[in-house]
Amino acid sequence: MQKRFTKIDEEFICENCGKKVNKLGYTCRNHCPNCLHSKHVDVNPGDRTEACHGMLKPVSIEIDSKKGYVIIFKCEKCGAIRKNKCAEDDNMDLIIELSSKQYK
C-alpha cells in the first residue's frame, strides 16, 4: 500500500516568476507564495511520481471549513486539476483576486 502523503519541505526557484522560495517550516511547501504557481510533479502529495511536470496555474480559490483558503490549480500541459491549501505567507492580493473568479 502506497503512502498518501510524503513530507518534502524544500526550497526551490519558482519556474513561473523566478523567485527563490524558502522552506515553509510547519508543513510541505507546494507552491510559490509570490505568484501562487506550482509544478505538476506529484500523484500523491510529495511522492514526485507524476510524469507530466507541467506548470500548475492558479485558477480559483475555494474556502474549506477546516483548511481555510484552498487554491485550485490547472496544469497548463495536461489539464489536470489539483488543489492545495494556502500557506501563511501566500500573496493575499492574488488570493483575493482569485477568489472573485469561479473555476469552470
C-alpha atoms as a PDB file:
ATOM      1  CA  MET A   1       0.000   0.000   0.000  1.00  0.00           C
ATOM      2  CA  GLN A   2       1.424   3.370  -1.066  1.00  0.00           C
ATOM      3  CA  LYS A   3       1.599   6.259   1.386  1.00  0.00           C
ATOM      4  CA  ARG A   4      -0.783   9.095   0.512  1.00  0.00           C
ATOM      5  CA  PHE A   5       1.490  11.864   1.822  1.00  0.00           C
ATOM      6  CA  THR A   6       5.254  12.216   1.781  1.00  0.00           C
ATOM      7  CA  LYS A   7       6.576  15.230   3.645  1.00  0.00           C
ATOM      8  CA  ILE A   8       9.013  17.196   1.484  1.00  0.00           C
ATOM      9  CA  ASP A   9       9.655  20.774   2.592  1.00  0.00           C
ATOM     10  CA  GLU A  10      12.451  22.136   0.447  1.00  0.00           C
ATOM     11  CA  GLU A  11      13.390  25.464  -1.067  1.00  0.00           C
ATOM     12  CA  PHE A  12      13.202  25.957  -4.832  1.00  0.00           C
ATOM     13  CA  ILE A  13      13.289  28.575  -7.570  1.00  0.00           C
ATOM     14  CA  CYS A  14       9.819  29.247  -8.978  1.00  0.00           C
ATOM     15  CA  GLU A  15       9.733  28.363 -12.670  1.00  0.00           C
ATOM     16  CA  ASN A  16       6.999  30.938 -13.250  1.00  0.00           C
ATOM     17  CA  CYS A  17       8.305  34.111 -11.570  1.00  0.00           C
ATOM     18  CA  GLY A  18      11.941  33.180 -10.843  1.00  0.00           C
ATOM     19  CA  LYS A  19      11.803  33.995  -7.118  1.00  0.00           C
ATOM     20  CA  LYS A  20      13.624  31.869  -4.541  1.00  0.00           C
ATOM     21  CA  VAL A  21      11.042  30.110  -2.379  1.00  0.00           C
ATOM     22  CA  ASN A  22      12.146  29.178   1.143  1.00  0.00           C
ATOM     23  CA  LYS A  23      11.041  26.150   3.124  1.00  0.00           C
ATOM     24  CA  LEU A  24       7.681  26.584   4.796  1.00  0.00           C
ATOM     25  CA  GLY A  25       8.788  25.100   8.118  1.00  0.00           C
ATOM     26  CA  TYR A  26       5.472  23.882   9.518  1.00  0.00           C
ATOM     27  CA  THR A  27       4.395  21.635   6.615  1.00  0.00           C
ATOM     28  CA  CYS A  28       5.337  20.990   2.994  1.00  0.00           C
ATOM     29  CA  ARG A  29       5.818  23.827   0.533  1.00  0.00           C
ATOM     30  CA  ASN A  30       3.644  23.143  -2.529  1.00  0.00           C
ATOM     31  CA  HIS A  31       3.610  26.397  -4.477  1.00  0.00           C
ATOM     32  CA  CYS A  32       5.260  29.798  -4.822  1.00  0.00           C
ATOM     33  CA  PRO A  33       3.926  32.279  -2.240  1.00  0.00           C
ATOM     34  CA  ASN A  34       4.666  35.171  -4.630  1.00  0.00           C
ATOM     35  CA  CYS A  35       2.785  34.113  -7.799  1.00  0.00           C
ATOM     36  CA  LEU A  36       0.959  31.027  -6.393  1.00  0.00           C
ATOM     37  CA  HIS A  37       2.097  28.788  -9.280  1.00  0.00           C
ATOM     38  CA  SER A  38       3.100  25.192  -8.649  1.00  0.00           C
ATOM     39  CA  LYS A  39       4.517  22.306 -10.662  1.00  0.00           C
ATOM     40  CA  HIS A  40       2.728  19.078 -11.579  1.00  0.00           C
ATOM     41  CA  VAL A  41       5.213  16.624 -10.048  1.00  0.00           C
ATOM     42  CA  ASP A  42       3.132  14.545  -7.591  1.00  0.00           C
ATOM     43  CA  VAL A  43       0.474  11.880  -7.996  1.00  0.00           C
ATOM     44  CA  ASN A  44       0.033  11.819  -4.216  1.00  0.00           C
ATOM     45  CA  PRO A  45       1.424  14.743  -2.183  1.00  0.00           C
ATOM     46  CA  GLY A  46       5.216  14.602  -2.017  1.00  0.00           C
ATOM     47  CA  ASP A  47       5.718  11.372  -3.988  1.00  0.00           C
ATOM     48  CA  ARG A  48       7.331  13.060  -7.056  1.00  0.00           C
ATOM     49  CA  THR A  49       5.961  10.289  -9.325  1.00  0.00           C
ATOM     50  CA  GLU A  50       3.942  12.398 -11.786  1.00  0.00           C
ATOM     51  CA  ALA A  51       5.464  12.265 -15.297  1.00  0.00           C
ATOM     52  CA  CYS A  52       3.780  15.457 -16.600  1.00  0.00           C
ATOM     53  CA  HIS A  53       5.945  18.152 -14.927  1.00  0.00           C
ATOM     54  CA  GLY A  54       3.777  20.922 -16.406  1.00  0.00           C
ATOM     55  CA  MET A  55       3.158  24.235 -14.657  1.00  0.00           C
ATOM     56  CA  LEU A  56       0.137  24.354 -12.360  1.00  0.00           C
ATOM     57  CA  LYS A  57      -1.525  27.732 -12.805  1.00  0.00           C
ATOM     58  CA  PRO A  58      -3.768  29.032 -10.001  1.00  0.00           C
ATOM     59  CA  VAL A  59      -7.250  29.466 -11.478  1.00  0.00           C
ATOM     60  CA  SER A  60      -9.536  29.924  -8.478  1.00  0.00           C
ATOM     61  CA  ILE A  61      -9.906  29.750  -4.704  1.00  0.00           C
ATOM     62  CA  GLU A  62     -12.374  27.804  -2.615  1.00  0.00           C
ATOM     63  CA  ILE A  63     -12.997  28.083   1.094  1.00  0.00           C
ATOM     64  CA  ASP A  64     -12.933  24.884   3.122  1.00  0.00           C
ATOM     65  CA  SER A  65     -14.352  24.950   6.655  1.00  0.00           C
ATOM     66  CA  LYS A  66     -11.304  23.067   8.008  1.00  0.00           C
ATOM     67  CA  LYS A  67      -8.457  24.090   5.662  1.00  0.00           C
ATOM     68  CA  GLY A  68      -9.398  27.708   5.003  1.00  0.00           C
ATOM     69  CA  TYR A  69      -8.428  29.073   1.589  1.00  0.00           C
ATOM     70  CA  VAL A  70      -7.642  26.344  -0.946  1.00  0.00           C
ATOM     71  CA  ILE A  71      -6.019  27.164  -4.289  1.00  0.00           C
ATOM     72  CA  ILE A  72      -7.389  25.385  -7.356  1.00  0.00           C
ATOM     73  CA  PHE A  73      -4.696  24.794  -9.973  1.00  0.00           C
ATOM     74  CA  LYS A  74      -4.973  23.720 -13.604  1.00  0.00           C
ATOM     75  CA  CYS A  75      -1.996  22.103 -15.325  1.00  0.00           C
ATOM     76  CA  GLU A  76      -1.052  24.075 -18.421  1.00  0.00           C
ATOM     77  CA  LYS A  77       0.362  20.915 -20.039  1.00  0.00           C
ATOM     78  CA  CYS A  78      -2.169  18.128 -19.382  1.00  0.00           C
ATOM     79  CA  GLY A  79      -5.192  20.000 -17.993  1.00  0.00           C
ATOM     80  CA  ALA A  80      -5.283  18.149 -14.651  1.00  0.00           C
ATOM     81  CA  ILE A  81      -6.926  19.942 -11.719  1.00  0.00           C
ATOM     82  CA  ARG A  82      -5.139  19.947  -8.357  1.00  0.00           C
ATOM     83  CA  LYS A  83      -5.873  21.664  -5.045  1.00  0.00           C
ATOM     84  CA  ASN A  84      -3.690  22.807  -2.167  1.00  0.00           C
ATOM     85  CA  LYS A  85      -4.392  24.873   0.910  1.00  0.00           C
ATOM     86  CA  CYS A  86      -2.894  28.326   1.125  1.00  0.00           C
ATOM     87  CA  ALA A  87       0.229  28.928   3.169  1.00  0.00           C
ATOM     88  CA  GLU A  88       0.576  31.652   5.808  1.00  0.00           C
ATOM     89  CA  ASP A  89       2.947  33.683   3.613  1.00  0.00           C
ATOM     90  CA  ASP A  90       0.966  33.494   0.344  1.00  0.00           C
ATOM     91  CA  ASN A  91       0.335  36.669  -1.654  1.00  0.00           C
ATOM     92  CA  MET A  92      -3.028  37.745  -0.216  1.00  0.00           C
ATOM     93  CA  ASP A  93      -3.672  40.207  -3.058  1.00  0.00           C
ATOM     94  CA  LEU A  94      -3.569  37.309  -5.550  1.00  0.00           C
ATOM     95  CA  ILE A  95      -5.738  35.145  -3.299  1.00  0.00           C
ATOM     96  CA  ILE A  96      -8.363  37.908  -3.171  1.00  0.00           C
ATOM     97  CA  GLU A  97      -8.146  38.339  -6.951  1.00  0.00           C
ATOM     98  CA  LEU A  98      -8.564  34.592  -7.495  1.00  0.00           C
ATOM     99  CA  SER A  99     -11.489  34.441  -5.068  1.00  0.00           C
ATOM    100  CA  SER A 100     -13.516  36.577  -7.465  1.00  0.00           C
ATOM    101  CA  LYS A 101     -13.007  34.011 -10.256  1.00  0.00           C
ATOM    102  CA  GLN A 102     -15.240  30.974 -10.490  1.00  0.00           C
ATOM    103  CA  TYR A 103     -13.479  27.949 -11.977  1.00  0.00           C
ATOM    104  CA  LYS A 104     -15.449  26.335 -14.786  1.00  0.00           C
END
